[in-house]
Amino acid sequence: MKTLYDVQQLLKTYGTFIYLGDRASDIAMMMLELDELQEAGVLEQRQYDSAKLILRHELKRSQSDNI
């Protein structure tokens, strides 16, 4: 997993489709969904860590683009 798209595809495999119309909000919601999947024991730790790292990077990038 290397991109935001990859994280979206991972979430889709669990029936989660996120579109709020705001990139930062979309990413924040994806982070919450990943947390829920991790707490439920559905995701492997490596998948979770990789996805969270990608989303944190994308969120920072999104926020710096808005400045």
Protein backbone atom coordinates (compact mmCIF):
# COMPACT_ATOMS: atom_id res chain seq x y z
CA MET A 1 0.00 0.00 0.00
CA LYS A 2 1.55 3.26 -1.14
CA THR A 3 -1.14 5.80 -1.99
CA LEU A 4 -4.40 7.29 -0.76
CA TYR A 5 -6.11 5.36 -3.54
CA ASP A 6 -4.72 2.11 -2.10
CA VAL A 7 -6.21 2.99 1.31
CA GLN A 8 -9.55 3.73 -0.34
CA GLN A 9 -9.46 0.33 -2.06
CA LEU A 10 -8.65 -1.37 1.25
CA LEU A 11 -11.64 0.30 2.90
CA LYS A 12 -13.87 -0.66 -0.03
CA THR A 13 -13.07 -4.33 0.57
CA TYR A 14 -14.86 -3.87 3.92
CA GLY A 15 -17.81 -2.02 2.39
CA THR A 16 -16.67 1.47 3.36
CA PHE A 17 -17.05 4.22 0.77
CA ILE A 18 -16.19 7.74 1.94
CA TYR A 19 -16.93 10.96 0.12
CA LEU A 20 -17.76 14.08 2.11
CA GLY A 21 -16.74 16.57 -0.57
CA ASP A 22 -13.74 17.89 1.37
CA ARG A 23 -10.39 16.13 1.05
CA ALA A 24 -9.28 16.76 4.65
CA SER A 25 -12.65 15.54 5.98
CA ASP A 26 -12.48 12.46 3.76
CA ILE A 27 -9.04 11.60 5.11
CA ALA A 28 -10.10 12.18 8.73
CA MET A 29 -13.10 9.90 8.25
CA MET A 30 -10.88 7.23 6.67
CA MET A 31 -8.64 7.39 9.74
CA LEU A 32 -11.64 6.83 12.00
CA GLU A 33 -12.80 3.89 9.89
CA LEU A 34 -9.33 2.34 10.04
CA ASP A 35 -9.37 2.70 13.83
CA GLU A 36 -12.74 0.93 13.97
CA LEU A 37 -11.50 -1.92 11.77
CA GLN A 38 -8.36 -2.26 13.88
CA GLU A 39 -10.34 -2.33 17.13
CA ALA A 40 -12.59 -5.02 15.65
CA GLY A 41 -9.51 -7.11 14.85
CA VAL A 42 -10.22 -7.13 11.13
CA LEU A 43 -7.00 -5.52 9.88
CA GLU A 44 -3.50 -6.84 10.23
CA GLN A 45 -1.24 -4.53 12.22
CA ARG A 46 1.00 -3.96 9.20
CA GLN A 47 -1.95 -2.92 7.03
CA TYR A 48 -3.23 -0.58 9.72
CA ASP A 49 0.16 1.05 10.32
CA SER A 50 0.82 1.52 6.62
CA ALA A 51 -2.62 2.99 5.93
CA LYS A 52 -2.44 5.38 8.91
CA LEU A 53 0.99 6.60 7.81
CA ILE A 54 -0.28 7.29 4.29
CA LEU A 55 -3.35 9.12 5.60
CA ARG A 56 -1.31 11.26 8.03
CA HIS A 57 0.98 12.25 5.17
CA GLU A 58 -1.95 13.07 2.88
CA LEU A 59 -3.69 15.07 5.62
CA LYS A 60 -0.60 17.18 6.21
CA ARG A 61 -0.24 17.71 2.47
CA SER A 62 -3.88 18.66 2.16
CA GLN A 63 -3.65 21.15 5.01
CA SER A 64 -0.49 22.77 3.65
CA ASP A 65 -2.14 23.15 0.23
CA ASN A 66 -4.94 25.18 1.82
CA ILE A 67 -2.58 27.76 3.33
